Amino acid sequence: MDSSRLPTTPVTRTGSYYARAWRRYLAGHTGGDIPLARPTLALAGQALRDEIVLAGFRLTRPVSDGRAFARIENEVRDAVEFYNQAGWPDAPESFHPKPPSLRRVDVRPARAARISYEHLSFTSGYKPHPGEPGRSRWLGYSANARAHAWMLRHDTARPWI
């Protein structure tokens, strides 16, 4: 069998990554301001774990439709042009108007493992801008009409939510 057609496994992908990391390290290649780190066995172990997870994703994902990829690629190109014409890359704060005050927020207690938290949900007033690529598809997803947040409460003040 032609070796270029052999399936890649998490082990072969990790080995290839680790060998490239050593080559870069020994050659002194840096990523600009990013410091050069010595490849270790711990790094290889973490890379292997990542590759195993990615392999699981590849095995369980549905077969992709080439037309969907073409649509996505075209939409992204159109969106970049649309956003540039609107000036949003230079003033991103102007992309979202100030949202209205919430009228009704549903709050449910929830628990995961030994952590209690609250699940908040409310009607989202967000809609993509008229003419924005993908707008009609986005509006067609009923789940997008509801916003969700998960909040931990503590006895003492915390600087985050």
C-alpha atoms as a PDB file:
ATOM      1  CA  MET A   1       0.000   0.000   0.000  1.00  0.00           C
ATOM      2  CA  ASP A   2       1.229   3.508  -0.845  1.00  0.00           C
ATOM      3  CA  SER A   3       2.414   5.145   2.412  1.00  0.00           C
ATOM      4  CA  SER A   4       0.870   8.480   1.379  1.00  0.00           C
ATOM      5  CA  ARG A   5      -2.546   6.788   1.528  1.00  0.00           C
ATOM      6  CA  LEU A   6      -2.176   5.257   4.978  1.00  0.00           C
ATOM      7  CA  PRO A   7      -4.682   6.623   7.474  1.00  0.00           C
ATOM      8  CA  THR A   8      -3.173   8.912  10.055  1.00  0.00           C
ATOM      9  CA  THR A   9      -3.744   7.972  13.656  1.00  0.00           C
ATOM     10  CA  PRO A  10      -3.447  10.057  16.816  1.00  0.00           C
ATOM     11  CA  VAL A  11      -0.073   8.422  17.480  1.00  0.00           C
ATOM     12  CA  THR A  12       1.376   9.176  14.015  1.00  0.00           C
ATOM     13  CA  ARG A  13       0.003  12.731  14.068  1.00  0.00           C
ATOM     14  CA  THR A  14       1.461  13.321  17.533  1.00  0.00           C
ATOM     15  CA  GLY A  15       4.822  11.851  16.520  1.00  0.00           C
ATOM     16  CA  SER A  16       4.931  14.088  13.470  1.00  0.00           C
ATOM     17  CA  TYR A  17       4.046  17.162  15.557  1.00  0.00           C
ATOM     18  CA  TYR A  18       6.656  16.293  18.190  1.00  0.00           C
ATOM     19  CA  ALA A  19       9.374  15.803  15.542  1.00  0.00           C
ATOM     20  CA  ARG A  20       8.531  19.185  13.965  1.00  0.00           C
ATOM     21  CA  ALA A  21       8.599  20.817  17.399  1.00  0.00           C
ATOM     22  CA  TRP A  22      12.116  19.441  18.027  1.00  0.00           C
ATOM     23  CA  ARG A  23      13.292  20.600  14.575  1.00  0.00           C
ATOM     24  CA  ARG A  24      12.023  24.121  15.264  1.00  0.00           C
ATOM     25  CA  TYR A  25      13.552  24.079  18.739  1.00  0.00           C
ATOM     26  CA  LEU A  26      16.970  22.881  17.564  1.00  0.00           C
ATOM     27  CA  ALA A  27      16.965  25.368  14.676  1.00  0.00           C
ATOM     28  CA  GLY A  28      16.068  28.203  17.071  1.00  0.00           C
ATOM     29  CA  HIS A  29      12.879  29.189  15.216  1.00  0.00           C
ATOM     30  CA  THR A  30      10.697  31.489  17.260  1.00  0.00           C
ATOM     31  CA  GLY A  31       7.189  32.761  16.680  1.00  0.00           C
ATOM     32  CA  GLY A  32       8.018  36.445  16.945  1.00  0.00           C
ATOM     33  CA  ASP A  33       7.352  37.517  20.544  1.00  0.00           C
ATOM     34  CA  ILE A  34       6.449  33.985  21.623  1.00  0.00           C
ATOM     35  CA  PRO A  35       9.307  32.402  23.592  1.00  0.00           C
ATOM     36  CA  LEU A  36      10.786  29.183  22.256  1.00  0.00           C
ATOM     37  CA  ALA A  37       9.848  26.280  24.516  1.00  0.00           C
ATOM     38  CA  ARG A  38      11.775  23.021  24.716  1.00  0.00           C
ATOM     39  CA  PRO A  39       9.573  20.105  23.593  1.00  0.00           C
ATOM     40  CA  THR A  40       9.004  17.710  26.488  1.00  0.00           C
ATOM     41  CA  LEU A  41       7.343  14.334  26.903  1.00  0.00           C
ATOM     42  CA  ALA A  42       4.548  16.130  28.781  1.00  0.00           C
ATOM     43  CA  LEU A  43       3.937  18.225  25.639  1.00  0.00           C
ATOM     44  CA  ALA A  44       3.803  15.049  23.557  1.00  0.00           C
ATOM     45  CA  GLY A  45       1.331  13.543  26.036  1.00  0.00           C
ATOM     46  CA  GLN A  46      -0.911  16.593  25.845  1.00  0.00           C
ATOM     47  CA  ALA A  47      -0.710  16.607  22.047  1.00  0.00           C
ATOM     48  CA  LEU A  48      -1.638  12.897  21.975  1.00  0.00           C
ATOM     49  CA  ARG A  49      -4.635  13.545  24.206  1.00  0.00           C
ATOM     50  CA  ASP A  50      -5.750  16.376  21.871  1.00  0.00           C
ATOM     51  CA  GLU A  51      -5.323  14.126  18.825  1.00  0.00           C
ATOM     52  CA  ILE A  52      -7.425  11.369  20.433  1.00  0.00           C
ATOM     53  CA  VAL A  53     -10.250  13.845  21.068  1.00  0.00           C
ATOM     54  CA  LEU A  54     -10.016  15.174  17.494  1.00  0.00           C
ATOM     55  CA  ALA A  55     -10.058  11.614  16.139  1.00  0.00           C
ATOM     56  CA  GLY A  56     -13.261  11.006  18.083  1.00  0.00           C
ATOM     57  CA  PHE A  57     -14.797  14.119  16.524  1.00  0.00           C
ATOM     58  CA  ARG A  58     -13.777  12.943  13.049  1.00  0.00           C
ATOM     59  CA  LEU A  59     -15.295   9.506  13.621  1.00  0.00           C
ATOM     60  CA  THR A  60     -18.601  10.758  14.993  1.00  0.00           C
ATOM     61  CA  ARG A  61     -19.284  13.738  12.753  1.00  0.00           C
ATOM     62  CA  PRO A  62     -21.759  13.338   9.930  1.00  0.00           C
ATOM     63  CA  VAL A  63     -20.397  13.220   6.401  1.00  0.00           C
ATOM     64  CA  SER A  64     -20.119  16.823   5.251  1.00  0.00           C
ATOM     65  CA  ASP A  65     -21.801  18.150   2.167  1.00  0.00           C
ATOM     66  CA  GLY A  66     -19.428  19.965  -0.181  1.00  0.00           C
ATOM     67  CA  ARG A  67     -22.217  22.401  -1.083  1.00  0.00           C
ATOM     68  CA  ALA A  68     -22.484  23.431   2.573  1.00  0.00           C
ATOM     69  CA  PHE A  69     -18.763  24.233   2.665  1.00  0.00           C
ATOM     70  CA  ALA A  70     -19.067  26.290  -0.532  1.00  0.00           C
ATOM     71  CA  ARG A  71     -22.054  28.183   0.925  1.00  0.00           C
ATOM     72  CA  ILE A  72     -20.159  28.881   4.147  1.00  0.00           C
ATOM     73  CA  GLU A  73     -17.072  30.054   2.262  1.00  0.00           C
ATOM     74  CA  ASN A  74     -19.152  32.410   0.108  1.00  0.00           C
ATOM     75  CA  GLU A  75     -21.077  33.715   3.115  1.00  0.00           C
ATOM     76  CA  VAL A  76     -17.874  34.464   5.009  1.00  0.00           C
ATOM     77  CA  ARG A  77     -16.461  36.393   2.035  1.00  0.00           C
ATOM     78  CA  ASP A  78     -19.727  38.300   1.643  1.00  0.00           C
ATOM     79  CA  ALA A  79     -19.867  39.003   5.381  1.00  0.00           C
ATOM     80  CA  VAL A  80     -16.335  40.431   5.439  1.00  0.00           C
ATOM     81  CA  GLU A  81     -17.278  42.762   2.580  1.00  0.00           C
ATOM     82  CA  PHE A  82     -20.595  43.678   4.276  1.00  0.00           C
ATOM     83  CA  TYR A  83     -18.877  44.428   7.623  1.00  0.00           C
ATOM     84  CA  ASN A  84     -16.118  46.451   5.958  1.00  0.00           C
ATOM     85  CA  GLN A  85     -18.681  48.547   4.050  1.00  0.00           C
ATOM     86  CA  ALA A  86     -20.530  49.221   7.319  1.00  0.00           C
ATOM     87  CA  GLY A  87     -17.262  50.230   9.044  1.00  0.00           C
ATOM     88  CA  TRP A  88     -17.627  47.694  11.852  1.00  0.00           C
ATOM     89  CA  PRO A  89     -14.010  46.462  11.879  1.00  0.00           C
ATOM     90  CA  ASP A  90     -12.922  50.040  12.687  1.00  0.00           C
ATOM     91  CA  ALA A  91     -15.756  50.656  15.176  1.00  0.00           C
ATOM     92  CA  PRO A  92     -16.884  47.254  16.465  1.00  0.00           C
ATOM     93  CA  GLU A  93     -18.947  48.832  19.244  1.00  0.00           C
ATOM     94  CA  SER A  94     -21.298  50.163  16.564  1.00  0.00           C
ATOM     95  CA  PHE A  95     -22.197  46.640  15.393  1.00  0.00           C
ATOM     96  CA  HIS A  96     -24.632  45.988  18.269  1.00  0.00           C
ATOM     97  CA  PRO A  97     -27.119  48.679  19.231  1.00  0.00           C
ATOM     98  CA  LYS A  98     -27.777  49.094  22.950  1.00  0.00           C
ATOM     99  CA  PRO A  99     -30.202  46.321  23.914  1.00  0.00           C
ATOM    100  CA  PRO A 100     -33.519  47.168  25.558  1.00  0.00           C
ATOM    101  CA  SER A 101     -34.046  46.420  29.231  1.00  0.00           C
ATOM    102  CA  LEU A 102     -35.180  42.874  29.878  1.00  0.00           C
ATOM    103  CA  ARG A 103     -38.872  42.519  30.601  1.00  0.00           C
ATOM    104  CA  ARG A 104     -39.009  38.924  31.786  1.00  0.00           C
ATOM    105  CA  VAL A 105     -36.117  36.742  32.893  1.00  0.00           C
ATOM    106  CA  ASP A 106     -36.705  33.106  33.783  1.00  0.00           C
ATOM    107  CA  VAL A 107     -34.387  31.924  36.561  1.00  0.00           C
ATOM    108  CA  ARG A 108     -34.150  28.242  37.450  1.00  0.00           C
ATOM    109  CA  PRO A 109     -31.907  26.679  40.068  1.00  0.00           C
ATOM    110  CA  ALA A 110     -29.618  24.039  38.618  1.00  0.00           C
ATOM    111  CA  ARG A 111     -26.858  21.739  39.776  1.00  0.00           C
ATOM    112  CA  ALA A 112     -23.918  19.969  38.147  1.00  0.00           C
ATOM    113  CA  ALA A 113     -21.832  17.618  40.232  1.00  0.00           C
ATOM    114  CA  ARG A 114     -21.590  19.458  43.565  1.00  0.00           C
ATOM    115  CA  ILE A 115     -21.953  22.966  42.144  1.00  0.00           C
ATOM    116  CA  SER A 116     -25.225  24.850  42.447  1.00  0.00           C
ATOM    117  CA  TYR A 117     -25.888  27.622  39.967  1.00  0.00           C
ATOM    118  CA  GLU A 118     -28.758  29.440  38.299  1.00  0.00           C
ATOM    119  CA  HIS A 119     -29.839  29.106  34.685  1.00  0.00           C
ATOM    120  CA  LEU A 120     -31.187  32.392  33.340  1.00  0.00           C
ATOM    121  CA  SER A 121     -33.032  32.660  30.042  1.00  0.00           C
ATOM    122  CA  PHE A 122     -34.905  35.412  28.280  1.00  0.00           C
ATOM    123  CA  THR A 123     -36.250  36.381  24.890  1.00  0.00           C
ATOM    124  CA  SER A 124     -33.445  37.716  22.749  1.00  0.00           C
ATOM    125  CA  GLY A 125     -34.211  40.774  20.704  1.00  0.00           C
ATOM    126  CA  TYR A 126     -31.105  40.267  18.578  1.00  0.00           C
ATOM    127  CA  LYS A 127     -31.525  39.924  14.829  1.00  0.00           C
ATOM    128  CA  PRO A 128     -28.789  40.055  12.204  1.00  0.00           C
ATOM    129  CA  HIS A 129     -28.689  43.312  10.268  1.00  0.00           C
ATOM    130  CA  PRO A 130     -30.838  43.555   7.124  1.00  0.00           C
ATOM    131  CA  GLY A 131     -28.725  42.354   4.211  1.00  0.00           C
ATOM    132  CA  GLU A 132     -26.257  40.537   6.485  1.00  0.00           C
ATOM    133  CA  PRO A 133     -25.182  37.225   4.928  1.00  0.00           C
ATOM    134  CA  GLY A 134     -26.908  34.275   6.613  1.00  0.00           C
ATOM    135  CA  ARG A 135     -29.617  36.449   8.200  1.00  0.00           C
ATOM    136  CA  SER A 136     -32.619  34.453   6.961  1.00  0.00           C
ATOM    137  CA  ARG A 137     -31.078  31.126   7.981  1.00  0.00           C
ATOM    138  CA  TRP A 138     -30.179  32.506  11.430  1.00  0.00           C
ATOM    139  CA  LEU A 139     -33.724  33.821  11.933  1.00  0.00           C
ATOM    140  CA  GLY A 140     -35.056  30.393  10.913  1.00  0.00           C
ATOM    141  CA  TYR A 141     -33.473  28.720  13.945  1.00  0.00           C
ATOM    142  CA  SER A 142     -36.061  29.034  16.711  1.00  0.00           C
ATOM    143  CA  ALA A 143     -33.446  28.386  19.418  1.00  0.00           C
ATOM    144  CA  ASN A 144     -31.770  31.693  18.487  1.00  0.00           C
ATOM    145  CA  ALA A 145     -34.805  33.594  19.802  1.00  0.00           C
ATOM    146  CA  ARG A 146     -33.846  32.735  23.392  1.00  0.00           C
ATOM    147  CA  ALA A 147     -30.694  33.795  25.249  1.00  0.00           C
ATOM    148  CA  HIS A 148     -29.180  31.771  28.088  1.00  0.00           C
ATOM    149  CA  ALA A 149     -26.749  32.511  30.906  1.00  0.00           C
ATOM    150  CA  TRP A 150     -25.456  30.458  33.791  1.00  0.00           C
ATOM    151  CA  MET A 151     -24.617  32.253  37.022  1.00  0.00           C
ATOM    152  CA  LEU A 152     -22.830  31.257  40.206  1.00  0.00           C
ATOM    153  CA  ARG A 153     -23.712  33.146  43.387  1.00  0.00           C
ATOM    154  CA  HIS A 154     -21.320  33.512  46.319  1.00  0.00           C
ATOM    155  CA  ASP A 155     -21.595  34.789  49.875  1.00  0.00           C
ATOM    156  CA  THR A 156     -18.768  37.240  49.235  1.00  0.00           C
ATOM    157  CA  ALA A 157     -18.405  39.777  46.443  1.00  0.00           C
ATOM    158  CA  ARG A 158     -16.622  38.467  43.351  1.00  0.00           C
ATOM    159  CA  PRO A 159     -15.288  40.570  40.483  1.00  0.00           C
ATOM    160  CA  TRP A 160     -16.952  38.388  37.842  1.00  0.00           C
ATOM    161  CA  ILE A 161     -20.247  36.754  36.987  1.00  0.00           C
END
